[in-house]
Protein backbone atom coordinates (compact mmCIF):
# COMPACT_ATOMS: atom_id res chain seq x y z
CA MET A 1 29.53 25.12 181.52
CA SER A 2 31.01 26.68 184.64
CA SER A 3 31.44 30.41 184.95
CA TRP A 4 35.21 29.94 185.08
CA MET A 5 35.19 28.10 181.75
CA ARG A 6 32.96 30.72 180.16
CA GLY A 7 35.31 33.44 181.37
CA LEU A 8 38.32 31.58 179.93
CA LEU A 9 36.62 31.18 176.54
CA LEU A 10 35.62 34.87 176.50
CA GLY A 11 39.16 35.93 177.40
CA THR A 12 40.57 33.71 174.66
CA CYS A 13 38.19 35.27 172.08
CA LEU A 14 39.08 38.76 173.17
CA TRP A 15 42.79 37.95 173.01
CA HIS A 16 42.43 36.57 169.49
CA THR A 17 40.40 39.64 168.42
CA GLY A 18 43.08 41.98 169.74
CA LEU A 19 45.77 39.98 167.96
CA VAL A 20 44.01 40.23 164.61
CA GLN A 21 43.55 43.98 165.06
CA ALA A 22 47.21 44.38 166.00
CA GLU A 23 48.39 42.27 163.05
CA GLU A 24 46.36 44.07 160.37
CA LEU A 25 46.58 47.84 160.26
CA PRO A 26 43.86 49.84 158.50
CA ALA A 27 45.31 51.71 155.56
CA GLN A 28 44.33 53.86 152.61
CA LEU A 29 45.48 53.61 149.00
CA ASP A 30 47.33 56.34 147.17
CA TRP A 31 49.11 56.60 143.81
CA GLY A 32 52.63 55.21 143.90
CA ARG A 33 53.91 57.82 141.40
CA HIS A 34 51.95 61.01 140.85
CA LEU A 35 52.92 64.14 138.96
CA VAL A 36 51.36 67.57 138.47
CA ILE A 37 52.39 68.72 135.00
CA ALA A 38 52.93 72.42 134.58
CA THR A 39 54.63 74.84 132.18
CA PRO A 40 56.69 77.99 132.71
CA GLU A 41 55.19 79.42 129.51
CA SER A 42 52.15 81.70 129.26
CA GLY A 43 49.60 81.74 126.46
CA LEU A 44 46.35 80.30 125.22
CA VAL A 45 45.61 76.61 125.36
CA GLN A 46 45.41 75.55 121.71
CA ARG A 47 44.61 71.83 122.06
CA VAL A 48 43.96 69.30 124.82
CA HIS A 49 44.46 65.76 123.54
CA VAL A 50 43.47 63.74 126.62
CA SER A 51 40.72 63.49 129.23
CA ALA A 52 40.61 62.29 132.81
CA GLY A 53 40.92 58.51 133.17
CA GLU A 54 42.67 58.04 129.82
CA MET A 55 45.81 55.89 129.56
CA VAL A 56 48.80 57.56 127.87
CA GLN A 57 52.25 56.43 126.77
CA ALA A 58 55.60 58.03 127.41
CA GLY A 59 56.26 60.87 124.96
CA GLN A 60 52.61 61.21 123.94
CA GLU A 61 51.45 64.79 123.42
CA LEU A 62 48.96 65.76 126.14
CA LEU A 63 48.40 69.48 125.63
CA ARG A 64 49.67 72.28 123.43
CA LEU A 65 49.77 76.04 123.95
CA ASP A 66 49.32 78.36 121.00
CA SER A 67 52.74 78.71 119.33
CA ARG A 68 51.88 80.50 116.07
CA ALA A 69 53.99 83.56 116.99
CA LEU A 70 56.95 81.30 117.77
CA GLU A 71 56.49 79.45 114.47
CA ALA A 72 56.74 82.79 112.67
CA HIS A 73 59.93 83.63 114.54
CA LEU A 74 61.30 80.18 113.72
CA ALA A 75 60.62 80.77 110.02
CA GLU A 76 62.56 84.03 110.29
CA ALA A 77 65.39 82.23 112.11
CA GLY A 78 65.52 79.59 109.37
CA ALA A 79 65.76 82.27 106.71
CA GLY A 80 68.48 83.97 108.74
CA ILE A 81 70.47 80.74 108.82
CA GLU A 82 70.20 80.33 105.05
CA GLU A 83 71.41 83.89 104.50
CA ALA A 84 74.29 83.41 106.98
CA GLU A 85 75.35 80.20 105.22
CA VAL A 86 75.42 82.01 101.87
CA ARG A 87 77.49 84.85 103.36
CA LEU A 88 79.84 82.34 104.95
CA ALA A 89 80.39 80.53 101.67
CA GLU A 90 81.14 83.85 99.97
CA ALA A 91 83.54 84.83 102.78
CA GLU A 92 85.37 81.53 102.42
CA ARG A 93 85.72 82.00 98.66
CA GLU A 94 86.94 85.55 99.12
CA ARG A 95 89.42 84.49 101.76
CA ASP A 96 90.76 81.71 99.50
CA ARG A 97 91.13 84.16 96.57
CA THR A 98 92.87 86.67 98.81
CA ARG A 99 95.24 84.00 100.15
CA GLU A 100 96.13 82.95 96.60
CA LEU A 101 96.87 86.53 95.58
CA TYR A 102 98.84 87.11 98.77
CA ASP A 103 100.94 84.02 98.14
CA ARG A 104 101.71 85.40 94.69
CA THR A 105 102.71 88.68 96.36
CA LEU A 106 99.96 90.48 94.50
CA LEU A 107 98.21 91.67 97.70
CA ALA A 108 99.48 93.13 100.96
CA GLU A 109 99.21 91.24 104.23
CA HIS A 110 96.63 93.77 105.41
CA GLU A 111 94.24 92.58 102.69
CA LEU A 112 94.65 88.99 103.88
CA GLN A 113 93.93 90.05 107.44
CA LEU A 114 90.75 91.80 106.35
CA ALA A 115 89.63 88.64 104.54
CA ASP A 116 90.31 86.56 107.69
CA ILE A 117 88.28 88.99 109.80
CA ALA A 118 85.39 88.89 107.33
CA LEU A 119 85.44 85.07 107.40
CA ALA A 120 85.42 85.03 111.23
CA GLU A 121 82.50 87.44 111.30
CA ALA A 122 80.53 85.32 108.82
CA ARG A 123 81.10 82.23 110.99
CA THR A 124 80.02 84.10 114.09
CA ARG A 125 76.82 85.30 112.38
CA LEU A 126 75.97 81.75 111.36
CA MET A 127 76.58 80.44 114.87
CA ALA A 128 74.36 83.20 116.31
CA ALA A 129 71.59 82.40 113.80
CA ARG A 130 71.68 78.70 114.69
CA SER A 131 71.72 79.49 118.41
CA ARG A 132 68.66 81.70 117.96
CA GLN A 133 66.87 78.93 116.12
CA ALA A 134 67.72 76.41 118.87
CA GLU A 135 66.44 78.84 121.52
CA LEU A 136 63.16 79.34 119.68
CA GLN A 137 62.78 75.58 119.17
CA GLN A 138 63.21 75.03 122.91
CA LEU A 139 60.61 77.68 123.69
CA ARG A 140 58.22 76.01 121.22
CA ASP A 141 58.83 72.59 122.78
CA GLN A 142 58.03 74.00 126.23
CA ARG A 143 54.58 74.83 124.91
CA ILE A 144 53.95 71.17 124.12
CA LEU A 145 53.36 69.01 127.17
CA ARG A 146 54.17 65.31 126.80
CA ALA A 147 53.76 62.34 129.09
CA PRO A 148 57.03 61.64 130.95
CA TRP A 149 56.12 57.96 131.35
CA ASP A 150 53.27 55.51 130.77
CA GLY A 151 50.38 56.34 133.04
CA ARG A 152 46.81 57.50 133.52
CA VAL A 153 45.49 61.04 133.31
CA VAL A 154 44.00 61.82 136.70
CA LEU A 155 42.81 65.37 136.17
CA VAL A 156 42.70 67.96 133.34
CA MET A 157 42.65 71.48 134.74
CA VAL A 158 42.36 73.55 131.53
CA GLN A 159 40.44 73.59 128.27
CA PRO A 160 41.09 74.94 124.77
CA GLY A 161 40.99 78.71 124.59
CA GLN A 162 41.82 79.16 128.27
CA ALA A 163 44.63 81.60 129.12
CA VAL A 164 47.64 80.24 130.98
CA VAL A 165 49.56 82.77 133.08
CA SER A 166 52.88 81.52 134.50
CA HIS A 167 54.81 84.70 135.22
CA GLU A 168 55.49 84.06 138.93
CA GLN A 169 55.33 80.28 138.99
CA PRO A 170 54.44 77.49 136.53
CA MET A 171 50.70 76.95 136.23
CA PRO A 172 49.49 73.34 136.78
CA LEU A 173 47.64 71.99 133.78
CA LEU A 174 47.35 68.21 134.16
CA GLU A 175 47.78 65.47 136.79
CA LEU A 176 49.27 62.16 135.74
CA ALA A 177 49.69 58.98 137.75
CA GLN A 178 51.75 55.92 136.81
CA GLU A 179 49.47 52.95 136.39
CA GLY A 180 50.25 49.82 138.37
CA GLN A 181 52.29 51.42 141.16
CA TRP A 182 50.52 52.00 144.45
CA ARG A 183 51.12 52.98 148.05
CA ALA A 184 49.19 52.06 151.19
CA ARG A 185 49.37 54.58 154.03
CA ALA A 186 48.78 53.68 157.65
CA GLU A 187 49.66 54.77 161.20
CA LEU A 188 51.71 52.84 163.74
CA THR A 189 51.69 53.04 167.49
CA SER A 190 54.96 53.21 169.39
CA GLU A 191 54.39 49.59 170.53
CA ILE A 192 54.32 48.25 166.94
CA LEU A 193 56.97 50.62 165.56
CA PRO A 194 60.04 48.52 166.68
CA ARG A 195 58.74 45.56 164.62
CA ILE A 196 58.94 47.46 161.34
CA GLN A 197 62.07 48.31 159.38
CA PRO A 198 62.58 50.25 156.11
CA GLY A 199 62.61 47.91 153.13
CA MET A 200 60.84 45.13 155.04
CA SER A 201 58.49 42.89 153.06
CA LEU A 202 54.86 43.06 154.14
CA GLU A 203 51.47 42.16 152.70
CA VAL A 204 48.68 44.49 151.64
CA LEU A 205 45.06 43.38 151.38
CA VAL A 206 42.68 45.35 149.14
CA ALA A 207 39.17 44.24 148.08
CA GLY A 208 39.96 40.62 148.91
CA GLN A 209 43.24 40.58 146.99
CA ARG A 210 46.69 40.20 148.52
CA TYR A 211 49.81 42.03 147.25
CA ASP A 212 53.45 41.77 148.21
CA ALA A 213 54.69 45.15 149.44
CA LYS A 214 57.80 46.78 150.85
CA VAL A 215 58.11 49.43 153.54
CA GLN A 216 58.88 52.64 151.71
CA THR A 217 58.53 55.18 154.53
CA LEU A 218 58.69 54.79 158.25
CA GLY A 219 58.05 58.04 160.12
CA TRP A 220 60.49 59.35 162.69
CA GLN A 221 58.36 62.17 163.99
CA PRO A 222 54.96 61.48 165.58
CA LEU A 223 51.93 62.60 163.60
CA ALA A 224 49.86 65.53 164.84
CA GLY A 225 46.87 64.61 166.95
CA GLU A 226 45.76 63.80 170.44
CA GLY A 227 46.26 60.54 172.25
CA LEU A 228 49.12 58.10 172.03
CA PRO A 229 51.87 59.03 169.53
CA ARG A 230 51.40 57.51 166.10
CA TYR A 231 53.90 57.23 163.24
CA ALA A 232 53.41 57.18 159.47
CA LEU A 233 53.89 53.94 157.59
CA VAL A 234 53.90 53.80 153.78
CA VAL A 235 54.33 50.58 151.83
CA ALA A 236 54.68 50.30 148.06
CA PHE A 237 53.31 47.55 145.84
CA ASP A 238 52.38 46.81 142.24
CA ALA A 239 48.90 45.84 141.02
CA PRO A 240 47.68 45.15 137.47
CA ALA A 241 45.40 47.73 135.88
CA GLU A 242 42.53 45.27 135.60
CA ARG A 243 42.18 45.23 139.39
CA ASN A 244 40.71 48.77 139.08
CA LEU A 245 42.25 50.14 142.23
CA ARG A 246 41.52 53.75 143.14
CA PRO A 247 43.17 56.25 145.54
CA GLY A 248 41.31 56.44 148.79
CA MET A 249 40.21 52.80 148.79
CA ALA A 250 40.37 51.05 152.13
CA ALA A 251 43.11 48.51 152.62
CA SER A 252 44.94 46.74 155.43
CA ILE A 253 48.62 46.02 155.98
CA ARG A 254 49.48 42.68 157.56
CA LEU A 255 52.33 43.01 160.01
CA PRO A 256 54.96 40.42 160.90
């Protein structure tokens, strides 16, 4: 084989190698939907119902802060509502009796006005008691952390008996990721950037499996670093749980 032919074959191989590298960008997996769960309440962790790696369903209780003091206040609020209801019923009966006597001209209008005022005050006291109960119930509910959607517990940051202090800002307690939704993050050069558009359909390859993906983020500002400017590319895709994907796994994004 002549040296010219060998050079042509070598150039062809190098050209194909560069094409493959340009068509498949190295990427890294990340959760598609990830949430750090915190609470504005302070107190002791009473129970932790989940552990890292566990699957949970929307509405499932994950963690509970000690709420015994609130339960006592709620019991008092319930008793206050019962008392206010009794006083309201009595005020209504007294107002009806006063109205009847007034209509028969046996009482002065001033007596009727006093009965109306007493009835209004009884209604106000009942409304205040119910409002107090609702406020306490909301505070109690804030001490119970529930899963906002189906997902997997990524990290548990506290344990029973640990004190939670959230005076200045809510303290993170758990991390939750939505199972099945993933992102692949990569970097684009300015030469490839014009070929990509937000919402474009692409393909992600992970551990020998291919997934249909869509461009979720296309960076406008260059990323920090030396050399040629590079721009962030994030594509989103779904994958079944049995594929056992993990954040940080290597992937590649096939470009058009």
